[in-house]
Amino acid sequence: MAETPGAAVDRATSGGAASEAWPADRPLVAGVRAYGLIVAMWMRSTMTYRASFLMTAFGNFAATALDFAAILLMFSHITVLGGFTLPEVAFLYGTSGVAFGLADLAMGSMDRLGRRVRDGTLDTLLVRPAPVLAQVAADRFALRRLGRISQGLLVLGWALARLDIDWTPLRLLLVPLMLLSGAAIFASVFVLGAAFQFWAQDAAEVQNSFTYGGNTLLQYPPTLFSKDLLRGVTFVVPLAFVNWLPALYVLGREDPLGLPDAAAFGSPVVAVVCCALAGAAWRVGLRSYRSTGS
């Protein structure tokens, strides 16, 4: 009988070699190694049934494509949306979709933490000699989520081919920078939401409102929304740094809040701060965990 990924993790993270594989004095290295091992196991499990993988990946691709189909339907009746043309909206859609897709691929399993807290199965992860965050993030790693990333890249490529942008070295640099920084910001939101579930225990939908909901929000021009909402997603939950602020600079448009052009290059700094806050929140939440009491 084939070994399940969970059993393989237990085998690989047990025994005397564990302390050598995941050194306690290097938590970041330990986390990356554990995450890579678990992801590799789930990928091997997924690719055992390649036809199933292809069908689920295509289903993921088609489901996310419906969002852009709705935008195309709107533009069949209008020429601009909030002052933005279809290629400009497609650029927003593509950058947000790719950034979120990368974060969802890497950290999308974090919303299962509340279930583990409720049924006590988180205890299983605590006794393994591997960082809990890496185990939770890699748990049931879903390779089918590549469908979302592929669809976002296709829309982004189409938008870039249609847009008449005055490309400068800074604008060229900003496109991949916003994708990577945006992915890190979304990933930190996944971790923050998971940390909140240590106390709330059933807050997956609250977490999804900031992750999946935030992705949907960023697909549309910021000019459609009120100034109060724009301030909230810029200074409170800084989702505007995922793509709105960098994209406005690339497209040569002014920010509705009147922020300087330099704000467009703040995404990497915001990403680092968000990741640091998410890591701190995770550690506090994990220390507060007291199992189910049963």
C-alpha atoms as a PDB file:
ATOM      1  CA  MET A   1       0.000   0.000   0.000  1.00  0.00           C
ATOM      2  CA  ALA A   2       1.290   3.475  -0.877  1.00  0.00           C
ATOM      3  CA  GLU A   3       2.368   5.596   2.052  1.00  0.00           C
ATOM      4  CA  THR A   4       0.149   8.586   2.729  1.00  0.00           C
ATOM      5  CA  PRO A   5       1.709  12.069   2.873  1.00  0.00           C
ATOM      6  CA  GLY A   6       0.791  12.366   6.546  1.00  0.00           C
ATOM      7  CA  ALA A   7       2.487   9.090   7.411  1.00  0.00           C
ATOM      8  CA  ALA A   8       5.524  10.101   5.391  1.00  0.00           C
ATOM      9  CA  VAL A   9       5.775  13.359   7.311  1.00  0.00           C
ATOM     10  CA  ASP A  10       5.592  11.481  10.615  1.00  0.00           C
ATOM     11  CA  ARG A  11       8.322   9.111   9.449  1.00  0.00           C
ATOM     12  CA  ALA A  12      10.574  11.842   8.091  1.00  0.00           C
ATOM     13  CA  THR A  13      10.230  14.100  11.116  1.00  0.00           C
ATOM     14  CA  SER A  14      10.775  11.424  13.730  1.00  0.00           C
ATOM     15  CA  GLY A  15      13.922   9.796  15.007  1.00  0.00           C
ATOM     16  CA  GLY A  16      17.419  10.991  15.718  1.00  0.00           C
ATOM     17  CA  ALA A  17      17.907  12.633  12.335  1.00  0.00           C
ATOM     18  CA  ALA A  18      15.202  15.172  13.039  1.00  0.00           C
ATOM     19  CA  SER A  19      17.354  17.491  15.113  1.00  0.00           C
ATOM     20  CA  GLU A  20      19.945  17.484  12.358  1.00  0.00           C
ATOM     21  CA  ALA A  21      17.349  18.142   9.610  1.00  0.00           C
ATOM     22  CA  TRP A  22      15.660  20.995  11.478  1.00  0.00           C
ATOM     23  CA  PRO A  23      18.205  22.798  13.670  1.00  0.00           C
ATOM     24  CA  ALA A  24      16.546  24.605  16.565  1.00  0.00           C
ATOM     25  CA  ASP A  25      19.010  27.483  16.389  1.00  0.00           C
ATOM     26  CA  ARG A  26      18.015  28.288  12.781  1.00  0.00           C
ATOM     27  CA  PRO A  27      14.201  28.459  12.769  1.00  0.00           C
ATOM     28  CA  LEU A  28      13.963  30.015   9.309  1.00  0.00           C
ATOM     29  CA  VAL A  29      16.095  27.299   7.739  1.00  0.00           C
ATOM     30  CA  ALA A  30      14.145  24.671   9.658  1.00  0.00           C
ATOM     31  CA  GLY A  31      10.850  26.084   8.456  1.00  0.00           C
ATOM     32  CA  VAL A  32      11.895  26.233   4.811  1.00  0.00           C
ATOM     33  CA  ARG A  33      13.246  22.668   4.892  1.00  0.00           C
ATOM     34  CA  ALA A  34      10.142  21.275   6.568  1.00  0.00           C
ATOM     35  CA  TYR A  35       7.858  23.171   4.223  1.00  0.00           C
ATOM     36  CA  GLY A  36       9.761  21.944   1.166  1.00  0.00           C
ATOM     37  CA  LEU A  37       9.666  18.334   2.349  1.00  0.00           C
ATOM     38  CA  ILE A  38       5.926  18.332   3.024  1.00  0.00           C
ATOM     39  CA  VAL A  39       5.127  20.142  -0.220  1.00  0.00           C
ATOM     40  CA  ALA A  40       7.208  17.623  -2.172  1.00  0.00           C
ATOM     41  CA  MET A  41       5.272  14.782  -0.581  1.00  0.00           C
ATOM     42  CA  TRP A  42       1.903  16.280  -1.468  1.00  0.00           C
ATOM     43  CA  MET A  43       3.094  16.980  -5.006  1.00  0.00           C
ATOM     44  CA  ARG A  44       4.145  13.354  -5.449  1.00  0.00           C
ATOM     45  CA  SER A  45       0.772  12.292  -4.111  1.00  0.00           C
ATOM     46  CA  THR A  46      -1.018  14.639  -6.514  1.00  0.00           C
ATOM     47  CA  MET A  47       0.952  13.567  -9.568  1.00  0.00           C
ATOM     48  CA  THR A  48       0.121   9.920  -8.902  1.00  0.00           C
ATOM     49  CA  TYR A  49      -3.224  10.709 -10.537  1.00  0.00           C
ATOM     50  CA  ARG A  50      -2.195  13.074 -13.298  1.00  0.00           C
ATOM     51  CA  ALA A  51      -5.512  13.083 -15.130  1.00  0.00           C
ATOM     52  CA  SER A  52      -7.262  14.108 -11.917  1.00  0.00           C
ATOM     53  CA  PHE A  53      -4.674  16.839 -11.362  1.00  0.00           C
ATOM     54  CA  LEU A  54      -5.132  18.223 -14.886  1.00  0.00           C
ATOM     55  CA  MET A  55      -8.910  18.258 -14.544  1.00  0.00           C
ATOM     56  CA  THR A  56      -8.864  19.998 -11.161  1.00  0.00           C
ATOM     57  CA  ALA A  57      -6.263  22.519 -12.348  1.00  0.00           C
ATOM     58  CA  PHE A  58      -8.385  23.278 -15.403  1.00  0.00           C
ATOM     59  CA  GLY A  59     -11.436  23.602 -13.165  1.00  0.00           C
ATOM     60  CA  ASN A  60      -9.564  26.098 -11.004  1.00  0.00           C
ATOM     61  CA  PHE A  61      -8.515  27.976 -14.155  1.00  0.00           C
ATOM     62  CA  ALA A  62     -12.095  28.063 -15.482  1.00  0.00           C
ATOM     63  CA  ALA A  63     -13.623  29.105 -12.156  1.00  0.00           C
ATOM     64  CA  THR A  64     -11.300  32.083 -11.782  1.00  0.00           C
ATOM     65  CA  ALA A  65     -11.797  32.996 -15.447  1.00  0.00           C
ATOM     66  CA  LEU A  66     -15.460  33.645 -14.679  1.00  0.00           C
ATOM     67  CA  ASP A  67     -14.412  36.735 -12.701  1.00  0.00           C
ATOM     68  CA  PHE A  68     -12.765  38.216 -15.774  1.00  0.00           C
ATOM     69  CA  ALA A  69     -15.716  37.128 -17.904  1.00  0.00           C
ATOM     70  CA  ALA A  70     -17.887  39.340 -15.703  1.00  0.00           C
ATOM     71  CA  ILE A  71     -15.553  42.268 -16.395  1.00  0.00           C
ATOM     72  CA  LEU A  72     -15.720  41.578 -20.130  1.00  0.00           C
ATOM     73  CA  LEU A  73     -19.510  41.514 -19.881  1.00  0.00           C
ATOM     74  CA  MET A  74     -19.509  44.932 -18.228  1.00  0.00           C
ATOM     75  CA  PHE A  75     -17.255  46.371 -20.916  1.00  0.00           C
ATOM     76  CA  SER A  76     -19.579  45.068 -23.604  1.00  0.00           C
ATOM     77  CA  HIS A  77     -21.921  47.863 -22.468  1.00  0.00           C
ATOM     78  CA  ILE A  78     -19.434  50.549 -21.420  1.00  0.00           C
ATOM     79  CA  THR A  79     -16.098  51.886 -22.664  1.00  0.00           C
ATOM     80  CA  VAL A  80     -14.555  52.923 -19.344  1.00  0.00           C
ATOM     81  CA  LEU A  81     -15.021  51.834 -15.730  1.00  0.00           C
ATOM     82  CA  GLY A  82     -14.146  54.437 -13.161  1.00  0.00           C
ATOM     83  CA  GLY A  83     -12.114  56.210 -15.842  1.00  0.00           C
ATOM     84  CA  PHE A  84     -10.158  53.035 -16.668  1.00  0.00           C
ATOM     85  CA  THR A  85     -10.223  51.242 -20.015  1.00  0.00           C
ATOM     86  CA  LEU A  86     -10.529  47.463 -20.376  1.00  0.00           C
ATOM     87  CA  PRO A  87      -6.753  46.866 -20.782  1.00  0.00           C
ATOM     88  CA  GLU A  88      -6.105  48.977 -17.669  1.00  0.00           C
ATOM     89  CA  VAL A  89      -8.662  47.024 -15.640  1.00  0.00           C
ATOM     90  CA  ALA A  90      -7.186  43.804 -17.041  1.00  0.00           C
ATOM     91  CA  PHE A  91      -3.784  44.962 -15.793  1.00  0.00           C
ATOM     92  CA  LEU A  92      -5.210  45.432 -12.300  1.00  0.00           C
ATOM     93  CA  TYR A  93      -6.967  42.076 -12.524  1.00  0.00           C
ATOM     94  CA  GLY A  94      -3.851  40.246 -13.718  1.00  0.00           C
ATOM     95  CA  THR A  95      -1.455  41.704 -11.149  1.00  0.00           C
ATOM     96  CA  SER A  96      -3.863  41.060  -8.283  1.00  0.00           C
ATOM     97  CA  GLY A  97      -4.694  37.567  -9.532  1.00  0.00           C
ATOM     98  CA  VAL A  98      -1.070  36.491  -9.907  1.00  0.00           C
ATOM     99  CA  ALA A  99      -0.009  37.926  -6.538  1.00  0.00           C
ATOM    100  CA  PHE A 100      -2.940  36.325  -4.768  1.00  0.00           C
ATOM    101  CA  GLY A 101      -2.473  33.066  -6.664  1.00  0.00           C
ATOM    102  CA  LEU A 102       1.143  32.777  -5.526  1.00  0.00           C
ATOM    103  CA  ALA A 103       0.156  33.414  -1.910  1.00  0.00           C
ATOM    104  CA  ASP A 104      -2.790  31.028  -2.154  1.00  0.00           C
ATOM    105  CA  LEU A 105      -0.554  28.309  -3.595  1.00  0.00           C
ATOM    106  CA  ALA A 106       2.010  28.728  -0.815  1.00  0.00           C
ATOM    107  CA  MET A 107      -0.210  29.539   2.180  1.00  0.00           C
ATOM    108  CA  GLY A 108      -3.790  28.739   1.153  1.00  0.00           C
ATOM    109  CA  SER A 109      -4.043  25.880   3.646  1.00  0.00           C
ATOM    110  CA  MET A 110      -3.801  28.280   6.589  1.00  0.00           C
ATOM    111  CA  ASP A 111      -7.591  28.647   6.721  1.00  0.00           C
ATOM    112  CA  ARG A 112      -7.822  25.035   7.973  1.00  0.00           C
ATOM    113  CA  LEU A 113      -6.173  25.970  11.257  1.00  0.00           C
ATOM    114  CA  GLY A 114      -9.480  26.776  12.971  1.00  0.00           C
ATOM    115  CA  ARG A 115     -10.705  23.249  12.276  1.00  0.00           C
ATOM    116  CA  ARG A 116      -7.495  21.797  13.712  1.00  0.00           C
ATOM    117  CA  VAL A 117      -7.853  23.930  16.833  1.00  0.00           C
ATOM    118  CA  ARG A 118     -11.452  22.815  17.319  1.00  0.00           C
ATOM    119  CA  ASP A 119     -10.877  19.076  16.886  1.00  0.00           C
ATOM    120  CA  GLY A 120      -7.476  18.976  18.586  1.00  0.00           C
ATOM    121  CA  THR A 121      -5.540  17.639  15.584  1.00  0.00           C
ATOM    122  CA  LEU A 122      -3.139  20.570  15.903  1.00  0.00           C
ATOM    123  CA  ASP A 123      -1.595  18.592  18.764  1.00  0.00           C
ATOM    124  CA  THR A 124      -0.264  16.141  16.179  1.00  0.00           C
ATOM    125  CA  LEU A 125       1.750  18.915  14.570  1.00  0.00           C
ATOM    126  CA  LEU A 126       3.066  20.140  17.910  1.00  0.00           C
ATOM    127  CA  VAL A 127       4.789  16.845  18.699  1.00  0.00           C
ATOM    128  CA  ARG A 128       6.639  16.696  15.383  1.00  0.00           C
ATOM    129  CA  PRO A 129      10.171  18.144  15.412  1.00  0.00           C
ATOM    130  CA  ALA A 130       9.334  20.668  12.688  1.00  0.00           C
ATOM    131  CA  PRO A 131       7.997  24.245  12.831  1.00  0.00           C
ATOM    132  CA  VAL A 132       4.210  24.267  13.170  1.00  0.00           C
ATOM    133  CA  LEU A 133       3.767  27.183  10.762  1.00  0.00           C
ATOM    134  CA  ALA A 134       5.559  25.282   8.004  1.00  0.00           C
ATOM    135  CA  GLN A 135       3.432  22.201   8.640  1.00  0.00           C
ATOM    136  CA  VAL A 136       0.143  24.101   8.604  1.00  0.00           C
ATOM    137  CA  ALA A 137       1.059  26.079   5.481  1.00  0.00           C
ATOM    138  CA  ALA A 138       2.146  22.992   3.549  1.00  0.00           C
ATOM    139  CA  ASP A 139      -0.672  20.740   4.740  1.00  0.00           C
ATOM    140  CA  ARG A 140      -2.624  19.343   1.759  1.00  0.00           C
ATOM    141  CA  PHE A 141      -0.616  21.497  -0.642  1.00  0.00           C
ATOM    142  CA  ALA A 142      -2.941  21.992  -3.630  1.00  0.00           C
ATOM    143  CA  LEU A 143      -1.005  22.048  -6.890  1.00  0.00           C
ATOM    144  CA  ARG A 144      -4.292  22.662  -8.724  1.00  0.00           C
ATOM    145  CA  ARG A 145      -4.043  26.293  -7.625  1.00  0.00           C
ATOM    146  CA  LEU A 146      -1.595  26.774 -10.470  1.00  0.00           C
ATOM    147  CA  GLY A 147      -4.737  27.204 -12.563  1.00  0.00           C
ATOM    148  CA  ARG A 148      -5.444  30.561 -10.884  1.00  0.00           C
ATOM    149  CA  ILE A 149      -1.882  31.752 -11.448  1.00  0.00           C
ATOM    150  CA  SER A 150      -1.937  30.691 -15.112  1.00  0.00           C
ATOM    151  CA  GLN A 151      -5.195  32.497 -15.720  1.00  0.00           C
ATOM    152  CA  GLY A 152      -3.899  35.676 -14.067  1.00  0.00           C
ATOM    153  CA  LEU A 153      -0.706  35.553 -16.125  1.00  0.00           C
ATOM    154  CA  LEU A 154      -2.676  35.194 -19.351  1.00  0.00           C
ATOM    155  CA  VAL A 155      -4.824  38.222 -18.544  1.00  0.00           C
ATOM    156  CA  LEU A 156      -1.765  40.211 -17.460  1.00  0.00           C
ATOM    157  CA  GLY A 157       0.079  39.320 -20.667  1.00  0.00           C
ATOM    158  CA  TRP A 158      -2.913  40.369 -22.771  1.00  0.00           C
ATOM    159  CA  ALA A 159      -3.181  43.668 -20.888  1.00  0.00           C
ATOM    160  CA  LEU A 160       0.511  44.471 -21.302  1.00  0.00           C
ATOM    161  CA  ALA A 161       0.243  43.777 -25.033  1.00  0.00           C
ATOM    162  CA  ARG A 162      -2.705  46.175 -25.370  1.00  0.00           C
ATOM    163  CA  LEU A 163      -1.506  49.005 -23.129  1.00  0.00           C
ATOM    164  CA  ASP A 164       0.458  51.926 -24.496  1.00  0.00           C
ATOM    165  CA  ILE A 165       2.879  52.426 -21.592  1.00  0.00           C
ATOM    166  CA  ASP A 166       5.939  54.643 -21.644  1.00  0.00           C
ATOM    167  CA  TRP A 167       8.293  51.974 -20.321  1.00  0.00           C
ATOM    168  CA  THR A 168      11.150  53.196 -18.182  1.00  0.00           C
ATOM    169  CA  PRO A 169      13.585  51.094 -16.130  1.00  0.00           C
ATOM    170  CA  LEU A 170      11.577  51.906 -12.984  1.00  0.00           C
ATOM    171  CA  ARG A 171       8.289  50.833 -14.562  1.00  0.00           C
ATOM    172  CA  LEU A 172       9.851  47.633 -15.868  1.00  0.00           C
ATOM    173  CA  LEU A 173      11.223  46.863 -12.413  1.00  0.00           C
ATOM    174  CA  LEU A 174       7.941  47.654 -10.707  1.00  0.00           C
ATOM    175  CA  VAL A 175       5.864  44.981 -12.462  1.00  0.00           C
ATOM    176  CA  PRO A 176       7.689  41.875 -11.101  1.00  0.00           C
ATOM    177  CA  LEU A 177       8.328  43.718  -7.839  1.00  0.00           C
ATOM    178  CA  MET A 178       4.615  44.301  -7.243  1.00  0.00           C
ATOM    179  CA  LEU A 179       3.817  40.655  -8.001  1.00  0.00           C
ATOM    180  CA  LEU A 180       6.340  39.320  -5.486  1.00  0.00           C
ATOM    181  CA  SER A 181       5.611  41.962  -2.855  1.00  0.00           C
ATOM    182  CA  GLY A 182       1.877  41.522  -3.334  1.00  0.00           C
ATOM    183  CA  ALA A 183       2.222  37.776  -2.853  1.00  0.00           C
ATOM    184  CA  ALA A 184       4.135  38.380   0.393  1.00  0.00           C
ATOM    185  CA  ILE A 185       1.465  40.815   1.629  1.00  0.00           C
ATOM    186  CA  PHE A 186      -1.325  38.352   0.879  1.00  0.00           C
ATOM    187  CA  ALA A 187       0.690  35.553   2.526  1.00  0.00           C
ATOM    188  CA  SER A 188       1.054  37.641   5.680  1.00  0.00           C
ATOM    189  CA  VAL A 189      -2.714  38.196   5.723  1.00  0.00           C
ATOM    190  CA  PHE A 190      -3.190  34.407   5.511  1.00  0.00           C
ATOM    191  CA  VAL A 191      -0.906  33.960   8.524  1.00  0.00           C
ATOM    192  CA  LEU A 192      -2.539  36.795  10.489  1.00  0.00           C
ATOM    193  CA  GLY A 193      -5.944  35.278   9.845  1.00  0.00           C
ATOM    194  CA  ALA A 194      -4.724  31.882  10.983  1.00  0.00           C
ATOM    195  CA  ALA A 195      -3.227  33.390  14.151  1.00  0.00           C
ATOM    196  CA  PHE A 196      -6.594  34.983  14.940  1.00  0.00           C
ATOM    197  CA  GLN A 197      -8.192  31.536  14.774  1.00  0.00           C
ATOM    198  CA  PHE A 198      -6.248  30.434  17.841  1.00  0.00           C
ATOM    199  CA  TRP A 199      -8.735  32.553  19.788  1.00  0.00           C
ATOM    200  CA  ALA A 200     -11.774  32.659  17.515  1.00  0.00           C
ATOM    201  CA  GLN A 201     -11.476  28.986  16.405  1.00  0.00           C
ATOM    202  CA  ASP A 202     -14.141  29.419  13.724  1.00  0.00           C
ATOM    203  CA  ALA A 203     -13.045  32.510  11.807  1.00  0.00           C
ATOM    204  CA  ALA A 204     -12.147  31.093   8.412  1.00  0.00           C
ATOM    205  CA  GLU A 205     -14.750  33.266   6.712  1.00  0.00           C
ATOM    206  CA  VAL A 206     -13.389  36.386   8.408  1.00  0.00           C
ATOM    207  CA  GLN A 207      -9.956  35.472   7.089  1.00  0.00           C
ATOM    208  CA  ASN A 208     -11.378  34.858   3.602  1.00  0.00           C
ATOM    209  CA  SER A 209     -12.991  38.291   3.563  1.00  0.00           C
ATOM    210  CA  PHE A 210      -9.512  39.847   3.660  1.00  0.00           C
ATOM    211  CA  THR A 211      -7.823  37.342   1.326  1.00  0.00           C
ATOM    212  CA  TYR A 212     -10.317  36.310  -1.342  1.00  0.00           C
ATOM    213  CA  GLY A 213     -12.355  39.470  -0.748  1.00  0.00           C
ATOM    214  CA  GLY A 214      -9.249  41.629  -0.959  1.00  0.00           C
ATOM    215  CA  ASN A 215      -8.261  40.003  -4.235  1.00  0.00           C
ATOM    216  CA  THR A 216     -11.688  40.784  -5.713  1.00  0.00           C
ATOM    217  CA  LEU A 217     -11.483  44.381  -4.494  1.00  0.00           C
ATOM    218  CA  LEU A 218      -8.091  44.957  -6.115  1.00  0.00           C
ATOM    219  CA  GLN A 219      -9.320  43.725  -9.495  1.00  0.00           C
ATOM    220  CA  TYR A 220     -11.259  46.966  -9.964  1.00  0.00           C
ATOM    221  CA  PRO A 221     -10.072  50.586 -10.225  1.00  0.00           C
ATOM    222  CA  PRO A 222      -9.625  52.422  -6.916  1.00  0.00           C
ATOM    223  CA  THR A 223     -11.625  55.336  -8.346  1.00  0.00           C
ATOM    224  CA  LEU A 224     -14.792  53.263  -7.889  1.00  0.00           C
ATOM    225  CA  PHE A 225     -14.530  53.265  -4.103  1.00  0.00           C
ATOM    226  CA  SER A 226     -14.934  55.840  -1.359  1.00  0.00           C
ATOM    227  CA  LYS A 227     -11.973  57.686   0.094  1.00  0.00           C
ATOM    228  CA  ASP A 228     -12.576  56.083   3.498  1.00  0.00           C
ATOM    229  CA  LEU A 229     -12.270  52.600   2.025  1.00  0.00           C
ATOM    230  CA  LEU A 230      -9.129  53.610   0.138  1.00  0.00           C
ATOM    231  CA  ARG A 231      -7.574  54.925   3.346  1.00  0.00           C
ATOM    232  CA  GLY A 232      -8.482  51.678   5.113  1.00  0.00           C
ATOM    233  CA  VAL A 233      -6.781  49.438   2.538  1.00  0.00           C
ATOM    234  CA  THR A 234      -3.773  51.739   2.404  1.00  0.00           C
ATOM    235  CA  PHE A 235      -3.035  52.565   6.045  1.00  0.00           C
ATOM    236  CA  VAL A 236      -4.855  49.845   8.053  1.00  0.00           C
ATOM    237  CA  VAL A 237      -4.820  46.655   5.976  1.00  0.00           C
ATOM    238  CA  PRO A 238      -2.318  47.728   3.316  1.00  0.00           C
ATOM    239  CA  LEU A 239      -3.750  45.775   0.381  1.00  0.00           C
ATOM    240  CA  ALA A 240      -3.398  48.854  -1.836  1.00  0.00           C
ATOM    241  CA  PHE A 241       0.340  48.129  -1.944  1.00  0.00           C
ATOM    242  CA  VAL A 242      -0.367  44.776  -3.619  1.00  0.00           C
ATOM    243  CA  ASN A 243      -1.179  46.409  -6.943  1.00  0.00           C
ATOM    244  CA  TRP A 244      -3.160  49.656  -6.769  1.00  0.00           C
ATOM    245  CA  LEU A 245      -0.327  52.027  -5.905  1.00  0.00           C
ATOM    246  CA  PRO A 246       2.351  50.386  -8.098  1.00  0.00           C
ATOM    247  CA  ALA A 247      -0.104  49.900 -10.969  1.00  0.00           C
ATOM    248  CA  LEU A 248      -1.170  53.553 -10.916  1.00  0.00           C
ATOM    249  CA  TYR A 249       2.479  54.543 -11.313  1.00  0.00           C
ATOM    250  CA  VAL A 250       3.002  52.098 -14.181  1.00  0.00           C
ATOM    251  CA  LEU A 251      -0.156  53.330 -15.916  1.00  0.00           C
ATOM    252  CA  GLY A 252       0.772  56.975 -15.366  1.00  0.00           C
ATOM    253  CA  ARG A 253      -2.287  57.771 -13.255  1.00  0.00           C
ATOM    254  CA  GLU A 254      -2.609  59.822 -10.089  1.00  0.00           C
ATOM    255  CA  ASP A 255      -3.473  58.233  -6.794  1.00  0.00           C
ATOM    256  CA  PRO A 256      -7.015  59.180  -5.587  1.00  0.00           C
ATOM    257  CA  LEU A 257      -5.606  59.904  -2.125  1.00  0.00           C
ATOM    258  CA  GLY A 258      -2.936  62.203  -3.523  1.00  0.00           C
ATOM    259  CA  LEU A 259       0.006  60.112  -2.312  1.00  0.00           C
ATOM    260  CA  PRO A 260       3.397  60.858  -3.897  1.00  0.00           C
ATOM    261  CA  ASP A 261       4.846  58.635  -6.630  1.00  0.00           C
ATOM    262  CA  ALA A 262       7.345  57.268  -4.125  1.00  0.00           C
ATOM    263  CA  ALA A 263       4.482  55.368  -2.448  1.00  0.00           C
ATOM    264  CA  ALA A 264       4.383  53.083  -5.486  1.00  0.00           C
ATOM    265  CA  PHE A 265       7.796  51.739  -4.472  1.00  0.00           C
ATOM    266  CA  GLY A 266       6.766  51.091  -0.873  1.00  0.00           C
ATOM    267  CA  SER A 267       5.419  47.592  -1.543  1.00  0.00           C
ATOM    268  CA  PRO A 268       8.617  45.699  -0.576  1.00  0.00           C
ATOM    269  CA  VAL A 269       8.878  47.629   2.705  1.00  0.00           C
ATOM    270  CA  VAL A 270       5.194  47.067   3.465  1.00  0.00           C
ATOM    271  CA  ALA A 271       5.608  43.371   2.642  1.00  0.00           C
ATOM    272  CA  VAL A 272       8.521  43.017   5.080  1.00  0.00           C
ATOM    273  CA  VAL A 273       6.604  44.827   7.855  1.00  0.00           C
ATOM    274  CA  CYS A 274       3.475  42.729   7.249  1.00  0.00           C
ATOM    275  CA  CYS A 275       5.471  39.491   7.340  1.00  0.00           C
ATOM    276  CA  ALA A 276       7.149  40.547  10.581  1.00  0.00           C
ATOM    277  CA  LEU A 277       3.795  41.401  12.184  1.00  0.00           C
ATOM    278  CA  ALA A 278       2.279  38.143  10.947  1.00  0.00           C
ATOM    279  CA  GLY A 279       5.194  36.165  12.405  1.00  0.00           C
ATOM    280  CA  ALA A 280       4.825  37.901  15.764  1.00  0.00           C
ATOM    281  CA  ALA A 281       1.054  37.324  15.813  1.00  0.00           C
ATOM    282  CA  TRP A 282       1.573  33.662  14.949  1.00  0.00           C
ATOM    283  CA  ARG A 283       4.030  33.154  17.815  1.00  0.00           C
ATOM    284  CA  VAL A 284       1.663  34.822  20.296  1.00  0.00           C
ATOM    285  CA  GLY A 285      -1.272  32.753  19.065  1.00  0.00           C
ATOM    286  CA  LEU A 286       0.664  29.486  19.186  1.00  0.00           C
ATOM    287  CA  ARG A 287       1.831  30.173  22.753  1.00  0.00           C
ATOM    288  CA  SER A 288      -1.783  30.782  23.785  1.00  0.00           C
ATOM    289  CA  TYR A 289      -2.967  27.428  22.398  1.00  0.00           C
ATOM    290  CA  ARG A 290      -4.233  25.090  25.135  1.00  0.00           C
ATOM    291  CA  SER A 291      -5.591  22.208  23.039  1.00  0.00           C
ATOM    292  CA  THR A 292      -9.288  21.236  23.215  1.00  0.00           C
ATOM    293  CA  GLY A 293      -9.259  20.317  26.890  1.00  0.00           C
ATOM    294  CA  SER A 294     -10.764  16.919  26.142  1.00  0.00           C
END
